[in-house]
């Protein structure tokens, strides 16, 4: 009887322990379920972030492609503009060279005209007959200048300052001298303005411009050293310096 009661008490004690273990296992199971739910939510969040990252990568790739195309178009446009500028500068250089490419026959003709006009003015001393001859020559030169290119017109302006019926005078600073100065200064300023607009200041010392500067300096120096020298002699020497250069 005593043994049976002892067994019952032992079984009850074991049952209590088992119940406690079951309760602990249930609690742990509940915790695991909570953690599992958290892991599932985290996995879903990571999957969503992965999808967003893929979409972002696609957008970035599209943007990169657009930027590359835009850059290629911009570079192509810049290259085209550079080529156009280069061609324009070359054309300007060629036109400048063509402007000073004066035939020798025309230069000789203007030199002979200057010599004859100077000889008449010196021999006749400003006689009215010489004035009429000079006026006729001036009229012929004006008619010929209308059919000549730009370079010949500039050359004719240097040799024959203006086409007028007034006689050529040999004063120290006559109106013809002032017109020559104004003409040369205006041509020089126009050339400088053109070079500044193109951003090519180096052309100020290029052969065509240096020739013009040489002509200007020659005219001014000759006016200072020999103020009574005729305009035709000054123009003749200027043309010769231009041809030799």
Protein backbone atom coordinates (compact mmCIF):
# COMPACT_ATOMS: atom_id res chain seq x y z
CA UNK A 1 0.00 0.00 0.00
CA UNK A 2 2.79 2.35 0.91
CA UNK A 3 4.61 1.40 -2.28
CA UNK A 4 1.58 2.17 -4.42
CA UNK A 5 1.18 5.62 -2.86
CA UNK A 6 4.87 6.34 -3.49
CA UNK A 7 4.49 5.47 -7.16
CA UNK A 8 1.46 7.68 -7.46
CA UNK A 9 3.31 10.62 -5.93
CA UNK A 10 6.27 10.01 -8.25
CA UNK A 11 4.05 9.90 -11.29
CA UNK A 12 2.31 13.10 -10.25
CA UNK A 13 5.68 14.79 -9.83
CA UNK A 14 6.79 13.64 -13.29
CA UNK A 15 3.49 14.76 -14.72
CA UNK A 16 3.99 18.22 -13.21
CA UNK A 17 7.45 18.44 -14.77
CA UNK A 18 6.11 17.35 -18.13
CA UNK A 19 3.35 19.94 -17.93
CA UNK A 20 5.94 22.60 -17.12
CA UNK A 21 8.09 21.49 -20.06
CA UNK A 22 5.10 21.52 -22.35
CA UNK A 23 4.25 25.03 -21.21
CA UNK A 24 7.86 26.13 -21.85
CA UNK A 25 7.85 24.53 -25.27
CA UNK A 26 4.61 26.29 -26.13
CA UNK A 27 6.10 29.59 -25.05
CA UNK A 28 9.20 28.98 -27.15
CA UNK A 29 7.03 27.94 -30.05
CA UNK A 30 5.12 31.19 -29.77
CA UNK A 31 8.39 33.12 -29.75
CA UNK A 32 9.59 31.21 -32.80
CA UNK A 33 6.37 31.96 -34.59
CA UNK A 34 6.78 35.66 -33.81
CA UNK A 35 10.38 35.59 -35.04
CA UNK A 36 9.33 33.71 -38.14
CA UNK A 37 6.69 36.32 -38.89
CA UNK A 38 9.39 39.02 -38.49
CA UNK A 39 11.72 37.14 -40.82
CA UNK A 40 8.98 36.74 -43.38
CA UNK A 41 8.23 40.48 -43.24
CA UNK A 42 11.94 41.25 -43.58
CA UNK A 43 12.23 38.93 -46.56
CA UNK A 44 9.27 40.59 -48.23
CA UNK A 45 10.79 44.01 -47.58
CA UNK A 46 14.11 42.91 -49.08
CA UNK A 47 12.31 41.56 -52.12
CA UNK A 48 10.53 44.89 -52.55
CA UNK A 49 13.83 46.75 -52.20
CA UNK A 50 15.33 44.46 -54.80
CA UNK A 51 12.53 45.29 -57.23
CA UNK A 52 12.98 48.99 -56.54
CA UNK A 53 16.72 48.66 -57.09
CA UNK A 54 16.10 46.94 -60.42
CA UNK A 55 13.73 49.73 -61.48
CA UNK A 56 16.29 52.33 -60.38
CA UNK A 57 19.01 50.58 -62.34
CA UNK A 58 16.80 50.53 -65.42
CA UNK A 59 16.08 54.25 -65.07
CA UNK A 60 19.77 55.02 -64.56
CA UNK A 61 20.73 52.99 -67.61
CA UNK A 62 18.12 54.81 -69.68
CA UNK A 63 19.39 58.16 -68.39
CA UNK A 64 22.98 57.21 -69.17
CA UNK A 65 22.01 56.25 -72.72
CA UNK A 66 20.21 59.58 -73.17
CA UNK A 67 23.19 61.51 -71.82
CA UNK A 68 25.55 59.64 -74.13
CA UNK A 69 23.38 60.45 -77.13
CA UNK A 70 23.10 64.08 -76.07
CA UNK A 71 26.86 64.29 -75.59
CA UNK A 72 27.49 62.74 -79.00
CA UNK A 73 25.13 65.23 -80.64
CA UNK A 74 26.75 68.11 -78.75
CA UNK A 75 30.26 67.02 -79.69
CA UNK A 76 29.20 66.56 -83.31
CA UNK A 77 27.68 70.05 -83.33
CA UNK A 78 30.79 71.57 -81.75
CA UNK A 79 32.99 69.79 -84.27
CA UNK A 80 30.83 71.02 -87.12
CA UNK A 81 30.97 74.59 -85.80
CA UNK A 82 34.73 74.29 -85.45
CA UNK A 83 35.03 73.03 -89.01
CA UNK A 84 32.79 75.84 -90.25
CA UNK A 85 34.89 78.38 -88.37
CA UNK A 86 38.08 76.91 -89.82
CA UNK A 87 36.66 76.99 -93.34
CA UNK A 88 35.49 80.57 -92.81
CA UNK A 89 38.90 81.65 -91.59
CA UNK A 90 40.57 79.93 -94.54
CA UNK A 91 38.17 81.64 -96.92
CA UNK A 92 38.89 84.98 -95.26
CA UNK A 93 42.62 84.34 -95.61
CA UNK A 94 42.20 83.41 -99.26
CA UNK A 95 40.05 86.46 -99.92
CA UNK A 96 42.63 88.67 -98.19
CA UNK A 97 45.37 87.15 -100.31
CA UNK A 98 43.27 87.63 -103.42
CA UNK A 99 42.64 91.26 -102.50
CA UNK A 100 46.36 92.08 -102.67
CA UNK A 101 47.07 89.88 -105.70
CA UNK A 102 47.23 92.80 -108.16
CA UNK A 103 48.48 92.18 -111.71
CA UNK A 104 51.80 93.81 -112.55
CA UNK A 105 50.33 95.42 -115.64
CA UNK A 106 47.77 97.30 -113.56
CA UNK A 107 50.43 98.39 -111.05
CA UNK A 108 52.67 99.65 -113.86
CA UNK A 109 49.73 101.49 -115.35
CA UNK A 110 48.98 103.31 -112.11
CA UNK A 111 52.68 104.07 -111.58
CA UNK A 112 52.95 105.54 -115.07
CA UNK A 113 49.86 107.61 -114.41
CA UNK A 114 51.36 108.90 -111.17
CA UNK A 115 54.63 109.76 -112.89
CA UNK A 116 52.94 111.62 -115.73
CA UNK A 117 50.69 113.54 -113.35
CA UNK A 118 53.66 114.50 -111.17
CA UNK A 119 55.71 115.56 -114.21
CA UNK A 120 52.89 117.74 -115.51
CA UNK A 121 52.32 119.35 -112.14
CA UNK A 122 56.02 120.16 -111.71
CA UNK A 123 56.68 121.36 -115.26
CA UNK A 124 53.57 123.52 -115.54
CA UNK A 125 53.54 124.69 -111.94
CA UNK A 126 49.82 124.24 -111.41
CA UNK A 127 48.88 125.64 -114.82
CA UNK A 128 45.15 125.35 -115.69
CA UNK A 129 46.03 123.18 -118.70
CA UNK A 130 47.71 120.66 -116.42
CA UNK A 131 44.69 120.79 -114.15
CA UNK A 132 42.48 119.86 -117.09
CA UNK A 133 44.83 116.98 -117.99
CA UNK A 134 44.81 115.76 -114.39
CA UNK A 135 41.04 116.01 -114.26
CA UNK A 136 40.70 113.94 -117.43
CA UNK A 137 43.11 111.34 -116.04
CA UNK A 138 41.21 111.28 -112.76
CA UNK A 139 37.97 110.69 -114.64
CA UNK A 140 39.52 107.80 -116.60
CA UNK A 141 40.86 106.26 -113.41
CA UNK A 142 37.42 106.56 -111.76
CA UNK A 143 35.74 104.78 -114.66
CA UNK A 144 38.34 102.00 -114.60
CA UNK A 145 38.09 101.62 -110.81
CA UNK A 146 34.40 100.77 -111.11
CA UNK A 147 35.30 97.61 -113.07
CA UNK A 148 38.23 96.53 -110.86
CA UNK A 149 38.11 94.24 -107.80
CA UNK A 150 38.42 95.48 -104.25
CA UNK A 151 42.22 95.30 -104.12
CA UNK A 152 42.57 97.40 -107.28
CA UNK A 153 40.15 99.97 -105.90
CA UNK A 154 42.27 100.25 -102.74
CA UNK A 155 45.41 100.55 -104.86
CA UNK A 156 43.79 103.18 -107.04
CA UNK A 157 42.75 105.12 -103.93
CA UNK A 158 46.39 105.12 -102.76
CA UNK A 159 47.67 106.30 -106.15
CA UNK A 160 44.80 108.64 -106.94
CA UNK A 161 43.27 109.78 -103.61
CA UNK A 162 39.97 110.93 -105.10
CA UNK A 163 38.26 111.41 -108.45
CA UNK A 164 37.46 115.10 -108.66
CA UNK A 165 37.78 118.04 -110.96
CA UNK A 166 39.97 120.00 -108.54
CA UNK A 167 43.71 120.28 -109.40
CA UNK A 168 46.37 118.36 -107.47
CA UNK A 169 48.20 120.57 -105.00
CA UNK A 170 51.58 120.14 -103.36
CA UNK A 171 50.90 121.83 -100.05
CA UNK A 172 52.36 120.53 -96.79
CA UNK A 173 49.02 119.16 -95.53
CA UNK A 174 46.37 119.57 -98.19
CA UNK A 175 42.87 118.17 -98.23
CA UNK A 176 44.07 115.29 -100.43
CA UNK A 177 46.67 114.36 -97.79
CA UNK A 178 44.01 114.37 -95.11
CA UNK A 179 41.77 112.16 -97.23
CA UNK A 180 44.64 109.72 -97.75
CA UNK A 181 45.23 109.61 -93.98
CA UNK A 182 41.54 109.11 -93.25
CA UNK A 183 41.26 106.40 -95.92
CA UNK A 184 44.27 104.43 -94.65
CA UNK A 185 43.14 104.78 -91.01
CA UNK A 186 39.62 103.61 -91.86
CA UNK A 187 40.93 100.57 -93.76
CA UNK A 188 43.23 99.69 -90.88
CA UNK A 189 40.42 100.02 -88.30
CA UNK A 190 38.08 97.87 -90.40
CA UNK A 191 40.71 95.14 -90.68
CA UNK A 192 41.43 95.27 -86.91
CA UNK A 193 37.71 95.10 -86.11
CA UNK A 194 37.29 92.10 -88.40
CA UNK A 195 40.22 90.25 -86.80
CA UNK A 196 38.91 90.98 -83.27
CA UNK A 197 35.46 89.63 -84.12
CA UNK A 198 36.99 86.36 -85.33
CA UNK A 199 39.22 86.02 -82.30
CA UNK A 200 42.34 85.85 -84.50
CA UNK A 201 44.49 88.76 -83.37
CA UNK A 202 47.56 87.00 -84.77
CA UNK A 203 46.47 88.07 -88.23
CA UNK A 204 47.34 91.64 -87.34
CA UNK A 205 50.94 90.71 -88.06
CA UNK A 206 50.19 88.50 -91.06
CA UNK A 207 51.78 89.28 -94.48
CA UNK A 208 48.74 91.05 -96.01
CA UNK A 209 48.29 93.37 -93.03
CA UNK A 210 51.99 93.90 -92.54
CA UNK A 211 52.17 95.05 -96.15
CA UNK A 212 49.41 97.58 -95.51
CA UNK A 213 51.12 98.76 -92.34
CA UNK A 214 54.36 99.13 -94.27
CA UNK A 215 52.55 101.19 -96.87
CA UNK A 216 50.99 103.40 -94.19
CA UNK A 217 54.32 103.94 -92.41
CA UNK A 218 56.02 104.72 -95.71
CA UNK A 219 53.41 107.33 -96.60
CA UNK A 220 53.61 108.99 -93.16
CA UNK A 221 57.43 108.94 -93.06
CA UNK A 222 57.67 110.45 -96.51
CA UNK A 223 55.20 113.16 -95.59
CA UNK A 224 57.32 114.06 -92.54
CA UNK A 225 60.71 114.01 -94.29
CA UNK A 226 59.63 115.72 -97.53
CA UNK A 227 56.35 117.62 -97.03
CA UNK A 228 56.57 119.28 -100.44
CA UNK A 229 56.82 115.97 -102.32
CA UNK A 230 53.81 115.33 -104.53
CA UNK A 231 51.08 112.83 -103.65
CA UNK A 232 51.77 110.83 -106.80
CA UNK A 233 55.44 110.17 -105.82
CA UNK A 234 54.38 109.06 -102.35
CA UNK A 235 51.79 106.70 -103.81
CA UNK A 236 54.31 105.36 -106.34
CA UNK A 237 56.85 104.47 -103.64
CA UNK A 238 54.12 102.94 -101.50
CA UNK A 239 53.03 100.68 -104.35
CA UNK A 240 56.61 99.62 -105.01
CA UNK A 241 57.11 98.75 -101.35
CA UNK A 242 53.88 96.73 -101.47
CA UNK A 243 55.05 94.79 -104.56
CA UNK A 244 58.52 94.13 -103.13
CA UNK A 245 57.02 92.88 -99.83
